[in-house]
Amino acid sequence: MLIDEIIRSCRSEIVAEAAVASIGPAFAHDVAAAAEARGLGVGEFTARSVQRFARRGGEGDMRSVIAVMDTSQEPILAGLHRIMSIMIGAGDSEEITYVRRGWVPPEAYRGSELRRERLA
């Protein structure tokens, strides 16, 4: 599933930052502003946000990402754009705390099989 590719690829802060930049300057500016508000760089914020989405994204959010990806010529970038839009909109409301040092992304996308079954 392509959404899993986004989650795997964006574990790397360098890849995540490059992907955000390739989506376009307006989007990159929005992500940079959200990252700066949290004291993080764009790559770090994007990587953390994608992993947070992987762990806590609701079924409706997952469906909206898949729908955007299904209709795009650039599904990975379209999916990342949707994920980041959701996560920036969510703010820090979901009992998650960004810790600048010591944060490690999960080893695997937890619940991916369960989510795939629910979405099928």
C-alpha atoms as a PDB file:
ATOM      1  CA  MET A   1       0.000   0.000   0.000  1.00  0.00           C
ATOM      2  CA  LEU A   2       1.368   3.421  -0.943  1.00  0.00           C
ATOM      3  CA  ILE A   3       0.522   4.959   2.414  1.00  0.00           C
ATOM      4  CA  ASP A   4       3.018   2.545   3.969  1.00  0.00           C
ATOM      5  CA  GLU A   5       5.663   3.899   1.588  1.00  0.00           C
ATOM      6  CA  ILE A   6       5.073   7.415   2.919  1.00  0.00           C
ATOM      7  CA  ILE A   7       5.429   6.163   6.474  1.00  0.00           C
ATOM      8  CA  ARG A   8       8.640   4.254   5.703  1.00  0.00           C
ATOM      9  CA  SER A   9      10.215   7.016   3.611  1.00  0.00           C
ATOM     10  CA  CYS A  10       9.421   9.809   6.030  1.00  0.00           C
ATOM     11  CA  ARG A  11      11.215   8.118   8.895  1.00  0.00           C
ATOM     12  CA  SER A  12      14.232   9.883   7.448  1.00  0.00           C
ATOM     13  CA  GLU A  13      14.180  13.577   8.312  1.00  0.00           C
ATOM     14  CA  ILE A  14      16.183  14.336   5.174  1.00  0.00           C
ATOM     15  CA  VAL A  15      13.711  12.534   2.912  1.00  0.00           C
ATOM     16  CA  ALA A  16      10.763  14.095   4.741  1.00  0.00           C
ATOM     17  CA  GLU A  17      12.141  17.616   4.351  1.00  0.00           C
ATOM     18  CA  ALA A  18      12.915  17.085   0.657  1.00  0.00           C
ATOM     19  CA  ALA A  19       9.413  15.736   0.051  1.00  0.00           C
ATOM     20  CA  VAL A  20       7.807  18.757   1.719  1.00  0.00           C
ATOM     21  CA  ALA A  21       9.937  21.114  -0.387  1.00  0.00           C
ATOM     22  CA  SER A  22       9.007  19.278  -3.581  1.00  0.00           C
ATOM     23  CA  ILE A  23       5.288  19.764  -2.937  1.00  0.00           C
ATOM     24  CA  GLY A  24       5.673  23.515  -3.318  1.00  0.00           C
ATOM     25  CA  PRO A  25       6.722  26.733  -1.604  1.00  0.00           C
ATOM     26  CA  ALA A  26       3.341  27.635  -0.094  1.00  0.00           C
ATOM     27  CA  PHE A  27       2.992  24.221   1.518  1.00  0.00           C
ATOM     28  CA  ALA A  28       6.637  24.216   2.623  1.00  0.00           C
ATOM     29  CA  HIS A  29       6.064  27.616   4.258  1.00  0.00           C
ATOM     30  CA  ASP A  30       3.035  26.289   6.187  1.00  0.00           C
ATOM     31  CA  VAL A  31       4.962  23.238   7.393  1.00  0.00           C
ATOM     32  CA  ALA A  32       7.969  25.385   8.335  1.00  0.00           C
ATOM     33  CA  ALA A  33       5.743  27.713  10.371  1.00  0.00           C
ATOM     34  CA  ALA A  34       4.177  24.774  12.223  1.00  0.00           C
ATOM     35  CA  ALA A  35       7.612  23.248  12.831  1.00  0.00           C
ATOM     36  CA  GLU A  36       9.069  26.529  14.073  1.00  0.00           C
ATOM     37  CA  ALA A  37       6.157  26.974  16.487  1.00  0.00           C
ATOM     38  CA  ARG A  38       7.242  23.683  18.073  1.00  0.00           C
ATOM     39  CA  GLY A  39      10.956  24.450  18.011  1.00  0.00           C
ATOM     40  CA  LEU A  40      11.662  21.803  15.378  1.00  0.00           C
ATOM     41  CA  GLY A  41      13.134  21.731  11.906  1.00  0.00           C
ATOM     42  CA  VAL A  42      10.939  20.902   8.917  1.00  0.00           C
ATOM     43  CA  GLY A  43      12.373  17.403   8.454  1.00  0.00           C
ATOM     44  CA  GLU A  44      12.105  16.488  12.113  1.00  0.00           C
ATOM     45  CA  PHE A  45       8.572  17.862  12.408  1.00  0.00           C
ATOM     46  CA  THR A  46       7.436  16.094   9.238  1.00  0.00           C
ATOM     47  CA  ALA A  47       8.992  12.770  10.248  1.00  0.00           C
ATOM     48  CA  ARG A  48       7.387  12.931  13.687  1.00  0.00           C
ATOM     49  CA  SER A  49       4.028  14.016  12.307  1.00  0.00           C
ATOM     50  CA  VAL A  50       3.904  11.170   9.783  1.00  0.00           C
ATOM     51  CA  GLN A  51       4.789   8.625  12.476  1.00  0.00           C
ATOM     52  CA  ARG A  52       2.191  10.148  14.791  1.00  0.00           C
ATOM     53  CA  PHE A  53      -0.389   9.880  12.012  1.00  0.00           C
ATOM     54  CA  ALA A  54       0.592   6.237  11.476  1.00  0.00           C
ATOM     55  CA  ARG A  55      -0.023   5.474  15.148  1.00  0.00           C
ATOM     56  CA  ARG A  56      -3.094   7.602  15.776  1.00  0.00           C
ATOM     57  CA  GLY A  57      -4.726   8.422  12.447  1.00  0.00           C
ATOM     58  CA  GLY A  58      -8.419   7.642  12.485  1.00  0.00           C
ATOM     59  CA  GLU A  59     -10.199   5.563   9.891  1.00  0.00           C
ATOM     60  CA  GLY A  60     -11.734   8.649   8.273  1.00  0.00           C
ATOM     61  CA  ASP A  61      -8.333  10.310   8.022  1.00  0.00           C
ATOM     62  CA  MET A  62      -6.802   7.170   6.510  1.00  0.00           C
ATOM     63  CA  ARG A  63      -9.607   7.000   3.964  1.00  0.00           C
ATOM     64  CA  SER A  64      -9.126  10.646   3.004  1.00  0.00           C
ATOM     65  CA  VAL A  65      -5.399  10.089   2.434  1.00  0.00           C
ATOM     66  CA  ILE A  66      -6.081   7.014   0.313  1.00  0.00           C
ATOM     67  CA  ALA A  67      -8.745   8.866  -1.697  1.00  0.00           C
ATOM     68  CA  VAL A  68      -6.344  11.729  -2.474  1.00  0.00           C
ATOM     69  CA  MET A  69      -3.615   9.284  -3.443  1.00  0.00           C
ATOM     70  CA  ASP A  70      -5.932   7.288  -5.706  1.00  0.00           C
ATOM     71  CA  THR A  71      -6.746  10.341  -7.820  1.00  0.00           C
ATOM     72  CA  SER A  72      -3.269  11.876  -8.058  1.00  0.00           C
ATOM     73  CA  GLN A  73      -0.524  11.522 -10.633  1.00  0.00           C
ATOM     74  CA  GLU A  74       1.902  11.943  -7.718  1.00  0.00           C
ATOM     75  CA  PRO A  75       0.249   9.745  -5.064  1.00  0.00           C
ATOM     76  CA  ILE A  76       3.105   9.750  -2.545  1.00  0.00           C
ATOM     77  CA  LEU A  77       3.395  13.539  -2.489  1.00  0.00           C
ATOM     78  CA  ALA A  78      -0.387  13.968  -2.499  1.00  0.00           C
ATOM     79  CA  GLY A  79      -0.652  11.571   0.442  1.00  0.00           C
ATOM     80  CA  LEU A  80       2.082  13.378   2.368  1.00  0.00           C
ATOM     81  CA  HIS A  81       0.372  16.706   1.697  1.00  0.00           C
ATOM     82  CA  ARG A  82      -2.906  15.339   3.080  1.00  0.00           C
ATOM     83  CA  ILE A  83      -1.255  13.743   6.124  1.00  0.00           C
ATOM     84  CA  MET A  84       0.596  16.932   7.016  1.00  0.00           C
ATOM     85  CA  SER A  85      -2.525  19.037   6.487  1.00  0.00           C
ATOM     86  CA  ILE A  86      -4.390  16.769   8.900  1.00  0.00           C
ATOM     87  CA  MET A  87      -1.581  16.818  11.458  1.00  0.00           C
ATOM     88  CA  ILE A  88      -1.031  20.579  11.298  1.00  0.00           C
ATOM     89  CA  GLY A  89      -4.776  21.032  11.745  1.00  0.00           C
ATOM     90  CA  ALA A  90      -4.756  18.676  14.742  1.00  0.00           C
ATOM     91  CA  GLY A  91      -2.095  20.733  16.474  1.00  0.00           C
ATOM     92  CA  ASP A  92      -0.933  19.233  19.738  1.00  0.00           C
ATOM     93  CA  SER A  93      -4.421  18.329  20.897  1.00  0.00           C
ATOM     94  CA  GLU A  94      -3.754  14.603  20.990  1.00  0.00           C
ATOM     95  CA  GLU A  95      -1.864  14.111  24.240  1.00  0.00           C
ATOM     96  CA  ILE A  96       1.413  13.914  22.352  1.00  0.00           C
ATOM     97  CA  THR A  97       4.471  15.783  23.465  1.00  0.00           C
ATOM     98  CA  TYR A  98       7.314  16.532  21.112  1.00  0.00           C
ATOM     99  CA  VAL A  99      10.580  15.888  22.899  1.00  0.00           C
ATOM    100  CA  ARG A 100      13.483  17.327  20.947  1.00  0.00           C
ATOM    101  CA  ARG A 101      16.058  14.816  22.137  1.00  0.00           C
ATOM    102  CA  GLY A 102      15.518  11.137  22.674  1.00  0.00           C
ATOM    103  CA  TRP A 103      12.485  10.741  20.408  1.00  0.00           C
ATOM    104  CA  VAL A 104      12.690   7.591  18.332  1.00  0.00           C
ATOM    105  CA  PRO A 105      10.117   6.725  15.669  1.00  0.00           C
ATOM    106  CA  PRO A 106       8.449   3.348  16.073  1.00  0.00           C
ATOM    107  CA  GLU A 107      10.286   0.406  14.533  1.00  0.00           C
ATOM    108  CA  ALA A 108       7.299  -0.521  12.445  1.00  0.00           C
ATOM    109  CA  TYR A 109       3.987   0.984  11.525  1.00  0.00           C
ATOM    110  CA  ARG A 110       2.049  -0.450  14.416  1.00  0.00           C
ATOM    111  CA  GLY A 111      -1.403  -1.643  13.551  1.00  0.00           C
ATOM    112  CA  SER A 112      -0.838  -1.495   9.794  1.00  0.00           C
ATOM    113  CA  GLU A 113      -2.423  -4.892   9.199  1.00  0.00           C
ATOM    114  CA  LEU A 114      -5.360  -3.989  11.408  1.00  0.00           C
ATOM    115  CA  ARG A 115      -5.849  -0.666   9.627  1.00  0.00           C
ATOM    116  CA  ARG A 116      -5.660  -2.332   6.209  1.00  0.00           C
ATOM    117  CA  GLU A 117      -8.323  -4.818   7.248  1.00  0.00           C
ATOM    118  CA  ARG A 118     -10.623  -2.068   8.526  1.00  0.00           C
ATOM    119  CA  LEU A 119     -10.192  -0.030   5.345  1.00  0.00           C
ATOM    120  CA  ALA A 120     -10.724  -2.961   2.988  1.00  0.00           C
END
